[in-house]
Amino acid sequence: MSTDSIPAKVGSRKLVWFDEFDGSTLGKPSLTRPDAARPDTARWSYDVGGSGFGNNELQFYTDNRPENARVENGLLVIEARKETKENRGYTSAKLRTKGIVEWKHGRFEIRAKLPTGRGTWPAIWMLSGSEPMVWPNDGEIDIMEHVGFDPGVVHGTVHTQTYNHVKKTQQGGQITVSDASTVFHTYAVDWSIKQIDFMVDGKVYFTFDKESYGKRYEQWPFDQSFYLILNLAVGGNWGGQKGVDEAIFPQRMEVDWVRVYQ
């Protein structure tokens, strides 16, 4: 996609960072990169391993492996496959901007098509860039989560020291997107000094705000820089609540573009 077709502003916010997965950069038109089969390492790094990532997930996240993460026909493809890698029976990928770029407040838009089937757990989310990061104290913003056993329902959630799923006090909302696995939709948050709005295709379905939920750090740790994460998990405490259908794999989340406005 040419950068000419990317909105330079959304409301009062200006485009500051994006990936169209076609080689285009700020101020430059689309290019066909020589390494077009791989995500741009100037924009993305990988979280690698098979530790379960705190959720008893079943996949091993690989590094720089096109079977699990690749750019294909102008799309980022994150693919979960049923295959053994070290201590896990599935492989997948988890891309992030950690160590490359982080943002304090902004509007984050990601146009994506989700996988389908019991056991899939795609997520588009953000974590604090603080080092060492302490979860949930330093905050988490889940722009989009979807679990395959509950098709067509998309969740947006925040986690803090006061509000988190371990205590069953997490704060969030959900919206029905019946064709989320067959059609691209734009998943977004607009995060300001006062509140975080969660949206699908421009429709706000949940707002987390300082006035209602509290201004102390344990309630609102969202005045610091966060980085973006895109991943597709298999199984886990939530995604695997009703088991995993091994016959559905490979499954993939496709991302058309990612845009950040401030």
Protein backbone atom coordinates (compact mmCIF):
# COMPACT_ATOMS: atom_id res chain seq x y z
CA MET A 1 0.00 0.00 0.00
CA SER A 2 1.33 3.46 -0.86
CA THR A 3 1.89 5.84 2.03
CA ASP A 4 -0.32 8.29 0.09
CA SER A 5 -3.35 6.25 1.17
CA ILE A 6 -2.46 6.25 4.89
CA PRO A 7 -4.33 8.95 6.82
CA ALA A 8 -1.72 11.43 8.04
CA LYS A 9 -3.98 12.40 10.94
CA VAL A 10 -6.81 10.90 12.96
CA GLY A 11 -8.55 13.70 14.81
CA SER A 12 -5.80 15.80 16.38
CA ARG A 13 -3.28 12.95 16.31
CA LYS A 14 -0.58 12.70 13.64
CA LEU A 15 0.89 9.52 12.16
CA VAL A 16 4.22 8.80 13.87
CA TRP A 17 4.92 5.13 13.10
CA PHE A 18 3.48 2.38 10.92
CA ASP A 19 4.09 -0.88 9.12
CA GLU A 20 2.11 -1.60 5.96
CA PHE A 21 4.15 -4.79 5.43
CA ASP A 22 5.14 -3.62 1.97
CA GLY A 23 8.42 -1.84 2.67
CA SER A 24 7.01 1.69 2.86
CA THR A 25 8.44 4.11 5.43
CA LEU A 26 7.55 7.59 6.63
CA GLY A 27 8.13 9.98 3.74
CA LYS A 28 8.92 7.22 1.26
CA PRO A 29 6.65 5.22 -1.10
CA SER A 30 6.15 1.46 -0.98
CA LEU A 31 9.13 -0.65 -1.93
CA THR A 32 9.61 -4.33 -2.50
CA ARG A 33 12.17 -5.27 0.13
CA PRO A 34 14.79 -7.89 -0.74
CA ASP A 35 13.87 -9.62 2.52
CA ALA A 36 10.12 -9.28 1.93
CA ALA A 37 9.52 -12.80 3.27
CA ARG A 38 10.53 -11.67 6.77
CA PRO A 39 9.12 -8.99 9.08
CA ASP A 40 11.17 -5.80 9.11
CA THR A 41 13.80 -6.08 11.87
CA ALA A 42 14.00 -2.29 12.01
CA ARG A 43 10.42 -2.36 13.33
CA TRP A 44 9.98 -5.74 15.07
CA SER A 45 11.86 -8.08 17.38
CA TYR A 46 10.83 -11.53 18.61
CA ASP A 47 9.97 -12.97 22.01
CA VAL A 48 11.37 -16.51 21.83
CA GLY A 49 10.83 -19.64 23.92
CA GLY A 50 8.53 -22.32 25.22
CA SER A 51 8.07 -21.33 28.84
CA GLY A 52 4.28 -21.15 28.71
CA PHE A 53 4.58 -17.38 29.18
CA GLY A 54 2.74 -17.37 32.50
CA ASN A 55 -0.40 -18.87 30.98
CA ASN A 56 0.55 -22.54 30.42
CA GLU A 57 0.53 -21.94 26.65
CA LEU A 58 1.46 -24.91 24.45
CA GLN A 59 3.49 -23.25 21.69
CA PHE A 60 7.19 -22.53 21.23
CA TYR A 61 7.69 -19.02 19.88
CA THR A 62 10.40 -19.07 17.22
CA ASP A 63 12.85 -16.45 16.02
CA ASN A 64 13.18 -15.37 12.39
CA ARG A 65 11.45 -18.50 11.05
CA PRO A 66 9.21 -17.78 8.03
CA GLU A 67 7.01 -20.79 8.73
CA ASN A 68 5.78 -18.89 11.80
CA ALA A 69 6.19 -15.22 10.85
CA ARG A 70 6.46 -13.85 7.33
CA VAL A 71 5.39 -11.05 5.03
CA GLU A 72 3.21 -12.39 2.23
CA ASN A 73 1.26 -10.39 -0.37
CA GLY A 74 1.46 -7.23 1.72
CA LEU A 75 0.32 -8.98 4.91
CA LEU A 76 2.08 -10.03 8.07
CA VAL A 77 1.27 -13.70 8.66
CA ILE A 78 1.73 -15.16 12.15
CA GLU A 79 1.14 -18.89 11.83
CA ALA A 80 0.71 -21.53 14.54
CA ARG A 81 1.72 -25.01 13.44
CA LYS A 82 1.37 -28.43 15.01
CA GLU A 83 4.98 -29.57 15.20
CA THR A 84 7.46 -30.34 17.94
CA LYS A 85 9.98 -27.68 18.89
CA GLU A 86 12.12 -28.38 21.94
CA ASN A 87 9.64 -28.87 24.82
CA ARG A 88 6.45 -27.92 22.96
CA GLY A 89 4.07 -29.56 20.49
CA TYR A 90 3.27 -26.39 18.55
CA THR A 91 5.21 -23.50 17.07
CA SER A 92 4.14 -19.90 16.53
CA ALA A 93 5.53 -16.36 16.71
CA LYS A 94 5.34 -13.35 19.00
CA LEU A 95 6.46 -10.06 17.48
CA ARG A 96 7.03 -6.92 19.52
CA THR A 97 8.50 -3.43 19.29
CA LYS A 98 10.33 -3.76 22.61
CA GLY A 99 13.81 -2.26 22.42
CA ILE A 100 12.99 -0.59 19.10
CA VAL A 101 10.16 1.86 19.71
CA GLU A 102 7.76 2.59 22.57
CA TRP A 103 5.03 5.19 23.00
CA LYS A 104 3.44 7.16 25.84
CA HIS A 105 -0.21 7.73 24.90
CA GLY A 106 -1.54 7.64 21.34
CA ARG A 107 -3.97 5.95 19.02
CA PHE A 108 -2.98 2.44 17.96
CA GLU A 109 -4.77 0.87 15.00
CA ILE A 110 -4.21 -2.67 13.73
CA ARG A 111 -6.18 -4.13 10.83
CA ALA A 112 -6.25 -7.91 11.14
CA LYS A 113 -8.06 -11.13 10.33
CA LEU A 114 -8.12 -13.71 13.12
CA PRO A 115 -7.62 -17.48 13.17
CA THR A 116 -10.43 -19.91 13.85
CA GLY A 117 -10.85 -23.08 15.87
CA ARG A 118 -10.76 -24.35 19.43
CA GLY A 119 -7.41 -23.72 21.09
CA THR A 120 -6.36 -20.60 19.17
CA TRP A 121 -5.65 -17.45 21.17
CA PRO A 122 -4.51 -14.45 19.08
CA ALA A 123 -3.69 -11.18 20.81
CA ILE A 124 -2.76 -7.59 19.97
CA TRP A 125 -1.56 -5.92 23.14
CA MET A 126 0.88 -3.65 24.96
CA LEU A 127 3.22 -3.84 27.95
CA SER A 128 5.22 -1.26 29.86
CA GLY A 129 8.77 -0.71 28.68
CA SER A 130 10.01 -0.20 32.25
CA GLU A 131 12.98 -2.34 33.31
CA PRO A 132 12.52 -4.51 35.17
CA MET A 133 8.86 -4.70 34.22
CA VAL A 134 6.70 -6.04 37.06
CA TRP A 135 3.37 -7.56 36.05
CA PRO A 136 0.65 -6.55 36.64
CA ASN A 137 1.88 -3.50 38.60
CA ASP A 138 3.32 -1.75 35.53
CA GLY A 139 0.22 -2.32 33.42
CA GLU A 140 -1.03 -4.19 30.36
CA ILE A 141 -3.33 -2.98 27.60
CA ASP A 142 -5.03 -5.75 25.61
CA ILE A 143 -6.20 -4.09 22.39
CA MET A 144 -7.70 -7.32 21.05
CA GLU A 145 -7.97 -10.89 22.32
CA HIS A 146 -10.00 -13.72 20.85
CA VAL A 147 -10.32 -17.34 21.98
CA GLY A 148 -11.32 -19.93 19.41
CA PHE A 149 -13.85 -21.73 21.61
CA ASP A 150 -15.89 -18.50 21.73
CA PRO A 151 -15.90 -17.49 18.06
CA GLY A 152 -16.85 -14.00 17.02
CA VAL A 153 -16.37 -12.39 20.43
CA VAL A 154 -13.51 -9.88 20.75
CA HIS A 155 -12.20 -8.65 24.11
CA GLY A 156 -10.40 -5.47 25.17
CA THR A 157 -8.93 -5.41 28.69
CA VAL A 158 -6.56 -3.62 31.04
CA HIS A 159 -4.52 -5.18 33.83
CA THR A 160 -2.99 -3.27 36.76
CA GLN A 161 -2.00 -4.05 40.33
CA THR A 162 -5.57 -3.35 41.45
CA TYR A 163 -7.36 -4.73 38.40
CA ASN A 164 -6.07 -8.02 36.99
CA HIS A 165 -7.24 -11.50 36.04
CA VAL A 166 -5.35 -13.21 38.88
CA LYS A 167 -7.59 -11.36 41.33
CA LYS A 168 -10.52 -11.65 38.89
CA THR A 169 -10.79 -7.87 39.01
CA GLN A 170 -9.59 -7.12 35.45
CA GLN A 171 -11.48 -4.38 33.68
CA GLY A 172 -12.59 -4.70 30.08
CA GLY A 173 -15.34 -5.10 27.56
CA GLN A 174 -16.31 -7.33 24.69
CA ILE A 175 -17.99 -6.92 21.36
CA THR A 176 -19.42 -9.34 18.81
CA VAL A 177 -17.50 -9.44 15.53
CA SER A 178 -19.15 -12.42 13.88
CA ASP A 179 -16.86 -12.48 10.84
CA ALA A 180 -13.58 -11.78 12.67
CA SER A 181 -12.02 -14.92 11.19
CA THR A 182 -13.06 -14.26 7.59
CA VAL A 183 -12.92 -10.47 7.23
CA PHE A 184 -10.32 -7.86 8.19
CA HIS A 185 -11.34 -5.46 10.97
CA THR A 186 -9.54 -2.55 12.59
CA TYR A 187 -8.80 -3.10 16.28
CA ALA A 188 -7.74 0.02 18.13
CA VAL A 189 -7.22 1.89 21.37
CA ASP A 190 -7.09 5.63 21.84
CA TRP A 191 -5.01 6.23 24.97
CA SER A 192 -4.82 9.69 26.54
CA ILE A 193 -3.76 11.11 29.89
CA LYS A 194 -7.35 10.65 31.08
CA GLN A 195 -8.67 7.41 29.56
CA ILE A 196 -8.24 4.46 27.20
CA ASP A 197 -10.98 3.84 24.63
CA PHE A 198 -11.22 0.38 23.04
CA MET A 199 -12.64 0.21 19.51
CA VAL A 200 -13.45 -2.08 16.60
CA ASP A 201 -13.86 -0.36 13.23
CA GLY A 202 -14.08 2.99 15.00
CA LYS A 203 -16.85 1.95 17.41
CA VAL A 204 -15.95 2.40 21.09
CA TYR A 205 -17.14 -0.54 23.19
CA PHE A 206 -15.22 0.00 26.45
CA THR A 207 -13.56 2.94 28.22
CA PHE A 208 -11.14 2.73 31.14
CA ASP A 209 -10.77 6.18 32.73
CA LYS A 210 -8.90 7.68 35.66
CA GLU A 211 -11.92 9.33 37.23
CA SER A 212 -13.91 6.10 37.48
CA TYR A 213 -11.18 3.57 38.27
CA GLY A 214 -8.65 5.62 40.27
CA LYS A 215 -5.58 7.76 39.72
CA ARG A 216 -3.01 5.99 41.88
CA TYR A 217 -0.24 4.02 40.15
CA GLU A 218 -1.69 0.69 41.27
CA GLN A 219 -4.89 1.64 39.42
CA TRP A 220 -3.54 3.70 36.52
CA PRO A 221 0.09 2.92 35.52
CA PHE A 222 -0.59 4.31 32.05
CA ASP A 223 1.52 7.48 32.07
CA GLN A 224 4.70 5.76 30.89
CA SER A 225 5.91 4.28 27.61
CA PHE A 226 4.53 0.97 26.33
CA TYR A 227 5.51 -1.28 23.43
CA LEU A 228 3.29 -3.22 21.03
CA ILE A 229 2.96 -7.03 20.77
CA LEU A 230 1.36 -9.26 18.11
CA ASN A 231 1.12 -12.99 18.81
CA LEU A 232 -0.82 -16.19 18.27
CA ALA A 233 -0.84 -18.57 21.24
CA VAL A 234 -2.10 -22.15 21.37
CA GLY A 235 -4.02 -23.44 24.38
CA GLY A 236 -3.23 -21.90 27.74
CA ASN A 237 -5.26 -21.00 30.79
CA TRP A 238 -7.84 -19.13 28.73
CA GLY A 239 -7.32 -20.21 25.12
CA GLY A 240 -7.24 -23.87 26.12
CA GLN A 241 -10.12 -23.86 28.58
CA LYS A 242 -12.10 -26.20 26.32
CA GLY A 243 -9.14 -28.08 24.90
CA VAL A 244 -7.32 -27.80 21.59
CA ASP A 245 -8.61 -29.18 18.30
CA GLU A 246 -5.42 -30.60 16.81
CA ALA A 247 -7.06 -31.05 13.40
CA ILE A 248 -7.39 -27.32 12.70
CA PHE A 249 -3.69 -26.50 12.32
CA PRO A 250 -1.99 -24.65 10.79
CA GLN A 251 -3.88 -21.51 11.77
CA ARG A 252 -2.85 -17.93 11.18
CA MET A 253 -3.51 -14.34 12.12
CA GLU A 254 -3.08 -11.99 9.18
CA VAL A 255 -2.24 -8.31 9.76
CA ASP A 256 -2.81 -5.82 6.96
CA TRP A 257 -1.25 -2.85 8.72
CA VAL A 258 -0.26 -1.28 12.05
CA ARG A 259 -0.50 2.51 12.58
CA VAL A 260 0.37 4.70 15.52
CA TYR A 261 -0.84 8.30 15.90
CA GLN A 262 0.17 10.81 18.57
